[in-house]
Amino acid sequence: MPYRLEPCWLPLMITIAACGNRGAPAPTSDPAPVPAPAPPTVDAAAAGDASAIGPGLASGWCVIAGSIGYDRFAEATALVERLHRAGFPDAGIYDPRDFENLAWGTLAVIATGGLATPGEARTAAAALAKASVAADIKKCAVGPENRARPLARASDVAPLPALPSGPPVQLAGATPFEQPAVTGCFAWSAKLNAPACLVGYFDTYAGQWWALAFPGTPVPHIELSNLPEAPGGRPREALEIPAATLREINTRFTEAQFVALPAPARPLQPGGHVDWVVPRFAVRWDKQDPAIEIRCGGLDRPWQDVLRHERQLPSSTATVRLVPGTKLVVIDQHLGDYGEGFHSATETAAVVDLATCRVERDSDDGTPRR
């Protein structure tokens, strides 16, 4: 789920100073001793169960003692037991997806949370340090339910995002792109690791060019219409597709296993931006120097062009999707212009690999093919 808070992920052996608390004063006195509870009787390593955990966390300062892979629940449980013995009876295992500002990717072992001040969190972290448990403090913001629930056992972890699945997409009818579901990037192939996108342009006085493109792959586009000088260009919803071309499209969709792309599309307008925390990236639309740009990672990472255009047009929209089960971002853009007696529109698309921030466009330079 996307949010706008900047994450600061906390690996297992990070010190207190690693996450925005450099220079913070050390506690002036030892924290009041907390009676340690009896050790849990559950064999965590064998059962992968953390049933002796607290009731959940509200937003506030928290003390994070570890970040452990989703597949190592028994290890996280053992750390929780260690925290119990150190005097933290409410320690628990949490899924960072329940928080608005923890980076997704591993389980979070939180010793205590919902604290009102950073001083309380530093005091608790100092107590853990005396028990030889490294920890860090952070202001944790929980999700819309206002309380993060601890996980009792490995089976409680919600399924991780999965790739889109289903039957192959098949287009039908003489004007298949009149359907709202088949505009922009509308299908996904796990086999090619790429979308299928409708791209092109039309102009009342300068004709039209439309194609199905597969950005991010060497697969050639399928040209749908190429009338660059003909007057009376047609918008996508009125684009008539010959039967032979339709068969070619459906054959490719079947062979490459293109399925509907159901990932929620976040709208983007000129001057606006959208942010994700899990994984961390942001997309913005610069109005002054017209371009859609992406930043892969946190605030220290650079912005880079995704789709650039010559000038801002009256009807300009875009959508941004994170493909479930991948680190690939699909961006499609619509640029429209209109006036007395004329109308034009351009559709472009791109795919960004967040692992490398490599941008693959439906054209070589990010500008519409004309």
Protein backbone atom coordinates (compact mmCIF):
# COMPACT_ATOMS: atom_id res chain seq x y z
CA MET A 1 0.00 0.00 0.00
CA PRO A 2 1.42 3.43 -0.95
CA TYR A 3 2.09 6.15 1.57
CA ARG A 4 4.02 9.39 1.70
CA LEU A 5 6.10 8.86 4.81
CA GLU A 6 9.82 8.26 4.34
CA PRO A 7 10.86 4.84 5.67
CA CYS A 8 13.99 4.12 7.59
CA TRP A 9 14.56 0.38 7.66
CA LEU A 10 16.29 -1.06 10.61
CA PRO A 11 18.45 -4.15 10.24
CA LEU A 12 19.13 -6.48 13.10
CA MET A 13 22.43 -5.11 14.37
CA ILE A 14 22.04 -1.35 13.93
CA THR A 15 22.76 1.02 16.80
CA ILE A 16 20.44 3.67 18.12
CA ALA A 17 22.25 6.41 16.24
CA ALA A 18 21.64 4.83 12.82
CA CYS A 19 18.17 6.20 12.19
CA GLY A 20 17.93 9.91 12.73
CA ASN A 21 18.99 9.98 16.40
CA ARG A 22 22.61 11.01 16.02
CA GLY A 23 23.55 13.29 18.85
CA ALA A 24 20.57 12.25 20.94
CA PRO A 25 21.41 12.44 24.65
CA ALA A 26 21.92 9.13 26.39
CA PRO A 27 19.56 8.43 29.26
CA THR A 28 20.81 9.97 32.49
CA SER A 29 19.80 7.01 34.61
CA ASP A 30 19.11 3.38 34.18
CA PRO A 31 15.48 2.55 33.34
CA ALA A 32 13.34 1.22 36.10
CA PRO A 33 13.67 -2.55 36.20
CA VAL A 34 10.80 -4.45 34.66
CA PRO A 35 10.07 -7.88 36.09
CA ALA A 36 10.87 -10.48 33.47
CA PRO A 37 8.04 -12.87 32.67
CA ALA A 38 8.44 -16.59 32.87
CA PRO A 39 10.01 -17.97 29.69
CA PRO A 40 7.40 -19.20 27.22
CA THR A 41 6.90 -22.95 27.21
CA VAL A 42 6.45 -23.11 23.43
CA ASP A 43 9.37 -24.56 21.49
CA ALA A 44 9.58 -21.68 18.98
CA ALA A 45 12.29 -23.18 16.82
CA ALA A 46 10.22 -26.31 16.31
CA ALA A 47 6.74 -24.83 16.13
CA GLY A 48 7.35 -21.38 14.67
CA ASP A 49 4.81 -19.94 17.12
CA ALA A 50 4.91 -16.58 18.89
CA SER A 51 1.64 -16.87 20.81
CA ALA A 52 3.09 -15.24 23.94
CA ILE A 53 3.14 -11.80 22.34
CA GLY A 54 1.50 -8.50 23.12
CA PRO A 55 -1.89 -7.13 22.09
CA GLY A 56 -0.68 -4.87 19.29
CA LEU A 57 0.74 -1.42 18.73
CA ALA A 58 -0.75 2.00 18.28
CA SER A 59 1.14 4.79 16.51
CA GLY A 60 4.04 6.21 18.48
CA TRP A 61 7.73 5.66 19.13
CA CYS A 62 8.83 2.05 18.93
CA VAL A 63 11.99 0.07 19.58
CA ILE A 64 12.87 -2.33 16.79
CA ALA A 65 15.17 -5.19 17.72
CA GLY A 66 15.39 -6.98 14.40
CA SER A 67 14.38 -7.36 10.76
CA ILE A 68 14.13 -11.02 9.76
CA GLY A 69 13.03 -12.65 6.52
CA TYR A 70 9.44 -13.81 6.09
CA ASP A 71 10.68 -17.38 5.72
CA ARG A 72 12.55 -17.33 9.07
CA PHE A 73 9.62 -17.03 11.47
CA ALA A 74 11.16 -19.42 14.03
CA GLU A 75 14.23 -17.18 14.23
CA ALA A 76 12.00 -14.14 14.82
CA THR A 77 10.13 -16.09 17.52
CA ALA A 78 13.39 -16.92 19.27
CA LEU A 79 14.28 -13.22 19.34
CA VAL A 80 10.86 -12.42 20.83
CA GLU A 81 11.50 -14.93 23.61
CA ARG A 82 14.85 -13.29 24.27
CA LEU A 83 13.13 -9.92 24.56
CA HIS A 84 10.61 -11.40 27.00
CA ARG A 85 13.46 -12.59 29.19
CA ALA A 86 15.02 -9.11 29.00
CA GLY A 87 11.88 -7.62 30.54
CA PHE A 88 9.77 -6.71 27.49
CA PRO A 89 6.58 -8.77 27.81
CA ASP A 90 4.82 -7.01 24.92
CA ALA A 91 7.51 -7.79 22.35
CA GLY A 92 6.12 -9.23 19.14
CA ILE A 93 6.60 -10.00 15.47
CA TYR A 94 4.97 -7.59 13.02
CA ASP A 95 4.45 -7.37 9.29
CA PRO A 96 5.74 -3.94 8.11
CA ARG A 97 2.83 -3.84 5.66
CA ASP A 98 0.67 -2.95 8.68
CA PHE A 99 2.64 0.29 9.11
CA GLU A 100 2.71 3.41 6.98
CA ASN A 101 6.44 4.09 7.26
CA LEU A 102 8.32 0.80 7.54
CA ALA A 103 9.87 -0.55 4.37
CA TRP A 104 8.35 -3.85 3.31
CA GLY A 105 10.46 -6.92 2.72
CA THR A 106 11.09 -8.55 6.12
CA LEU A 107 9.35 -9.16 9.43
CA ALA A 108 9.89 -6.56 12.16
CA VAL A 109 10.59 -7.71 15.71
CA ILE A 110 9.45 -4.85 17.94
CA ALA A 111 10.35 -4.86 21.63
CA THR A 112 7.93 -2.15 22.61
CA GLY A 113 5.95 0.56 20.87
CA GLY A 114 3.22 3.17 21.07
CA LEU A 115 5.53 5.29 23.24
CA ALA A 116 4.78 8.98 23.56
CA THR A 117 8.32 10.40 23.36
CA PRO A 118 11.69 9.50 21.85
CA GLY A 119 13.14 9.69 25.35
CA GLU A 120 11.01 6.75 26.45
CA ALA A 121 12.16 4.81 23.39
CA ARG A 122 15.84 5.61 24.04
CA THR A 123 15.47 4.45 27.64
CA ALA A 124 14.00 1.14 26.48
CA ALA A 125 16.74 0.71 23.87
CA ALA A 126 19.38 1.33 26.53
CA ALA A 127 17.86 -1.41 28.65
CA LEU A 128 18.08 -3.78 25.69
CA ALA A 129 21.72 -2.82 25.13
CA LYS A 130 22.47 -3.95 28.71
CA ALA A 131 20.93 -7.29 27.78
CA SER A 132 23.24 -7.42 24.71
CA VAL A 133 20.35 -6.86 22.28
CA ALA A 134 21.04 -4.19 19.65
CA ALA A 135 18.00 -2.09 18.77
CA ASP A 136 16.95 1.11 17.10
CA ILE A 137 14.15 3.55 17.73
CA LYS A 138 11.68 4.98 15.25
CA LYS A 139 8.36 6.77 15.24
CA CYS A 140 6.08 4.05 13.85
CA ALA A 141 2.87 5.04 12.09
CA VAL A 142 0.32 2.25 11.90
CA GLY A 143 -2.13 1.73 9.05
CA PRO A 144 -5.77 2.74 8.70
CA GLU A 145 -6.98 0.36 11.44
CA ASN A 146 -4.95 2.42 13.95
CA ARG A 147 -3.34 -0.64 15.53
CA ALA A 148 -0.79 -3.10 14.21
CA ARG A 149 -1.46 -6.69 15.26
CA PRO A 150 1.38 -9.04 16.19
CA LEU A 151 1.75 -12.34 14.38
CA ALA A 152 1.29 -15.47 16.48
CA ARG A 153 2.53 -17.99 13.94
CA ALA A 154 4.03 -18.16 10.48
CA SER A 155 0.66 -18.97 8.91
CA ASP A 156 -0.63 -15.56 10.06
CA VAL A 157 1.61 -13.75 7.57
CA ALA A 158 -0.61 -12.41 4.81
CA PRO A 159 0.17 -13.78 1.34
CA LEU A 160 2.78 -11.75 -0.46
CA PRO A 161 1.70 -9.97 -3.66
CA ALA A 162 1.36 -12.43 -6.53
CA LEU A 163 1.79 -11.98 -10.24
CA PRO A 164 -1.40 -11.34 -12.22
CA SER A 165 -2.97 -14.59 -13.39
CA GLY A 166 -5.96 -15.77 -15.38
CA PRO A 167 -6.88 -16.73 -18.93
CA PRO A 168 -5.11 -15.02 -21.84
CA VAL A 169 -6.60 -11.71 -22.91
CA GLN A 170 -8.47 -11.94 -26.21
CA LEU A 171 -9.70 -8.89 -28.12
CA ALA A 172 -12.92 -9.00 -30.10
CA GLY A 173 -14.97 -6.80 -32.39
CA ALA A 174 -14.14 -4.35 -35.12
CA THR A 175 -13.27 -1.58 -32.62
CA PRO A 176 -11.86 -3.47 -29.59
CA PHE A 177 -10.18 -0.41 -28.07
CA GLU A 178 -13.46 1.36 -27.43
CA GLN A 179 -13.61 -0.58 -24.14
CA PRO A 180 -12.14 1.33 -21.15
CA ALA A 181 -10.43 -1.89 -20.00
CA VAL A 182 -8.18 -1.99 -23.06
CA THR A 183 -6.61 1.44 -22.95
CA GLY A 184 -3.08 2.30 -21.90
CA CYS A 185 -1.19 -0.71 -20.53
CA PHE A 186 -3.93 -3.28 -20.05
CA ALA A 187 -2.29 -6.75 -20.07
CA TRP A 188 0.74 -8.42 -18.49
CA SER A 189 2.92 -11.35 -19.54
CA ALA A 190 4.89 -13.11 -16.78
CA LYS A 191 6.63 -15.00 -19.57
CA LEU A 192 7.98 -11.77 -21.10
CA ASN A 193 7.93 -9.82 -17.82
CA ALA A 194 6.33 -6.96 -19.69
CA PRO A 195 3.00 -5.25 -20.39
CA ALA A 196 1.01 -4.82 -23.57
CA CYS A 197 0.22 -1.15 -24.14
CA LEU A 198 -1.79 0.77 -26.72
CA VAL A 199 0.41 3.64 -27.93
CA GLY A 200 0.23 6.16 -30.73
CA TYR A 201 -1.50 9.38 -31.72
CA PHE A 202 -4.29 10.87 -33.76
CA ASP A 203 -4.84 14.39 -35.04
CA THR A 204 -7.80 15.92 -36.81
CA TYR A 205 -5.52 17.29 -39.54
CA ALA A 206 -2.39 15.09 -39.29
CA GLY A 207 -3.70 11.55 -39.42
CA GLN A 208 -2.93 8.76 -36.99
CA TRP A 209 -0.48 6.06 -35.95
CA TRP A 210 -1.47 3.36 -33.47
CA ALA A 211 0.31 0.23 -32.31
CA LEU A 212 0.45 -2.36 -29.57
CA ALA A 213 3.84 -2.04 -27.87
CA PHE A 214 5.61 -4.28 -25.37
CA PRO A 215 8.04 -1.97 -23.54
CA GLY A 216 10.90 -3.71 -21.80
CA THR A 217 11.18 -6.48 -24.40
CA PRO A 218 12.75 -6.88 -27.86
CA VAL A 219 9.36 -8.06 -29.13
CA PRO A 220 8.35 -5.86 -32.08
CA HIS A 221 5.20 -3.80 -31.80
CA ILE A 222 2.09 -4.71 -33.77
CA GLU A 223 1.13 -1.81 -35.99
CA LEU A 224 -2.59 -1.14 -35.96
CA SER A 225 -2.87 1.91 -38.21
CA ASN A 226 -0.39 4.16 -40.03
CA LEU A 227 -1.95 7.12 -41.82
CA PRO A 228 0.45 9.98 -40.99
CA GLU A 229 -0.76 12.52 -43.51
CA ALA A 230 -4.43 11.64 -43.84
CA PRO A 231 -6.95 14.13 -42.46
CA GLY A 232 -9.52 12.95 -39.99
CA GLY A 233 -7.38 10.89 -37.64
CA ARG A 234 -9.35 8.55 -35.38
CA PRO A 235 -9.12 8.28 -31.60
CA ARG A 236 -8.45 4.86 -30.06
CA GLU A 237 -12.12 4.17 -29.32
CA ALA A 238 -12.98 4.53 -33.02
CA LEU A 239 -9.96 2.62 -34.28
CA GLU A 240 -11.03 -0.17 -36.62
CA ILE A 241 -8.80 -3.26 -36.50
CA PRO A 242 -8.64 -5.59 -39.53
CA ALA A 243 -9.54 -9.21 -38.80
CA ALA A 244 -6.04 -10.44 -39.73
CA THR A 245 -4.42 -7.99 -37.30
CA LEU A 246 -6.82 -9.02 -34.57
CA ARG A 247 -5.85 -12.67 -35.08
CA GLU A 248 -2.16 -11.71 -34.86
CA ILE A 249 -2.77 -9.87 -31.57
CA ASN A 250 -4.72 -12.72 -30.01
CA THR A 251 -2.16 -15.29 -31.14
CA ARG A 252 0.63 -13.32 -29.51
CA PHE A 253 -1.43 -12.84 -26.35
CA THR A 254 -1.98 -16.59 -26.14
CA GLU A 255 1.63 -17.57 -26.87
CA ALA A 256 3.10 -15.05 -24.42
CA GLN A 257 0.34 -15.69 -21.85
CA PHE A 258 -0.82 -12.09 -21.56
CA VAL A 259 -3.44 -11.77 -18.82
CA ALA A 260 -5.44 -8.79 -17.61
CA LEU A 261 -3.38 -6.35 -15.53
CA PRO A 262 -5.55 -5.78 -12.45
CA ALA A 263 -3.01 -3.79 -10.44
CA PRO A 264 -4.65 -0.63 -9.08
CA ALA A 265 -3.68 2.37 -11.18
CA ARG A 266 -2.81 5.52 -9.26
CA PRO A 267 -3.65 8.69 -11.22
CA LEU A 268 -0.99 11.30 -11.85
CA GLN A 269 -1.64 14.86 -13.01
CA PRO A 270 0.77 17.61 -14.13
CA GLY A 271 2.32 19.12 -11.03
CA GLY A 272 1.40 16.08 -8.94
CA HIS A 273 3.29 13.13 -7.52
CA VAL A 274 2.62 9.65 -6.13
CA ASP A 275 4.72 7.80 -3.56
CA TRP A 276 5.18 4.20 -2.50
CA VAL A 277 6.79 3.01 0.70
CA VAL A 278 6.84 -0.69 -0.14
CA PRO A 279 9.02 -0.74 -2.16
CA ARG A 280 10.25 2.83 -1.82
CA PHE A 281 9.90 5.00 -4.93
CA ALA A 282 8.16 8.16 -6.10
CA VAL A 283 6.88 9.47 -9.44
CA ARG A 284 6.26 13.13 -10.20
CA TRP A 285 5.09 15.18 -13.18
CA ASP A 286 7.13 18.34 -13.60
CA LYS A 287 5.01 21.11 -15.13
CA GLN A 288 7.82 23.60 -15.75
CA ASP A 289 10.06 21.20 -17.67
CA PRO A 290 7.33 18.89 -18.95
CA ALA A 291 8.30 15.35 -18.03
CA ILE A 292 7.26 12.45 -15.84
CA GLU A 293 10.17 11.51 -13.58
CA ILE A 294 10.88 8.67 -11.14
CA ARG A 295 13.03 8.37 -8.03
CA CYS A 296 13.97 4.79 -7.19
CA GLY A 297 14.58 4.65 -3.45
CA GLY A 298 14.62 7.29 -0.72
CA LEU A 299 15.10 11.04 -0.70
CA ASP A 300 18.84 10.74 -1.39
CA ARG A 301 18.27 9.13 -4.80
CA PRO A 302 18.21 11.22 -8.02
CA TRP A 303 15.21 11.88 -10.22
CA GLN A 304 15.35 10.65 -13.80
CA ASP A 305 13.17 11.09 -16.88
CA VAL A 306 10.58 8.48 -17.76
CA LEU A 307 8.40 10.21 -20.36
CA ARG A 308 9.13 13.68 -21.73
CA HIS A 309 6.99 15.92 -23.94
CA GLU A 310 7.45 19.25 -25.68
CA ARG A 311 4.78 21.25 -23.87
CA GLN A 312 2.00 20.94 -21.36
CA LEU A 313 -1.34 20.20 -23.07
CA PRO A 314 -4.84 21.00 -21.77
CA SER A 315 -5.81 17.35 -21.27
CA SER A 316 -2.87 15.56 -19.67
CA THR A 317 -3.19 12.49 -17.45
CA ALA A 318 -1.14 9.46 -16.51
CA THR A 319 -1.42 6.32 -14.40
CA VAL A 320 1.23 4.53 -12.34
CA ARG A 321 1.07 0.84 -11.43
CA LEU A 322 3.36 -1.38 -9.38
CA VAL A 323 2.93 -4.84 -10.91
CA PRO A 324 2.08 -7.28 -8.07
CA GLY A 325 4.83 -9.74 -7.23
CA THR A 326 7.51 -7.70 -9.05
CA LYS A 327 9.59 -4.56 -8.70
CA LEU A 328 8.41 -3.29 -12.07
CA VAL A 329 6.49 -0.03 -12.43
CA VAL A 330 4.25 0.56 -15.46
CA ILE A 331 3.48 4.18 -16.41
CA ASP A 332 1.18 5.19 -19.23
CA GLN A 333 0.51 8.77 -20.29
CA HIS A 334 -2.26 10.52 -22.22
CA LEU A 335 -1.70 13.96 -23.75
CA GLY A 336 -4.71 15.64 -25.34
CA ASP A 337 -5.21 18.93 -27.15
CA TYR A 338 -8.37 20.41 -28.53
CA GLY A 339 -9.88 23.61 -29.82
CA GLU A 340 -12.39 24.89 -32.32
CA GLY A 341 -12.52 22.34 -35.13
CA PHE A 342 -9.60 20.16 -34.06
CA HIS A 343 -8.69 17.43 -31.59
CA SER A 344 -5.52 15.43 -31.02
CA ALA A 345 -4.19 12.93 -28.50
CA THR A 346 -1.00 10.98 -27.86
CA GLU A 347 -0.59 7.80 -25.79
CA THR A 348 2.84 6.68 -24.53
CA ALA A 349 4.07 4.10 -22.02
CA ALA A 350 7.15 2.97 -20.11
CA VAL A 351 8.32 0.29 -17.69
CA VAL A 352 10.81 0.98 -14.87
CA ASP A 353 12.77 -1.75 -13.09
CA LEU A 354 13.14 -0.52 -9.49
CA ALA A 355 16.09 -2.84 -8.88
CA THR A 356 18.22 -0.88 -11.37
CA CYS A 357 15.99 2.15 -12.14
CA ARG A 358 16.33 1.26 -15.82
CA VAL A 359 13.60 2.83 -17.95
CA GLU A 360 12.21 1.00 -20.99
CA ARG A 361 9.92 3.04 -23.24
CA ASP A 362 7.67 2.33 -26.18
CA SER A 363 9.97 4.68 -28.13
CA ASP A 364 13.71 5.21 -27.93
CA ASP A 365 13.81 8.67 -26.37
CA GLY A 366 10.61 8.86 -24.35
CA THR A 367 8.83 11.12 -26.84
CA PRO A 368 5.76 10.01 -28.80
CA ARG A 369 6.30 8.42 -32.19
CA ARG A 370 4.94 10.80 -34.82
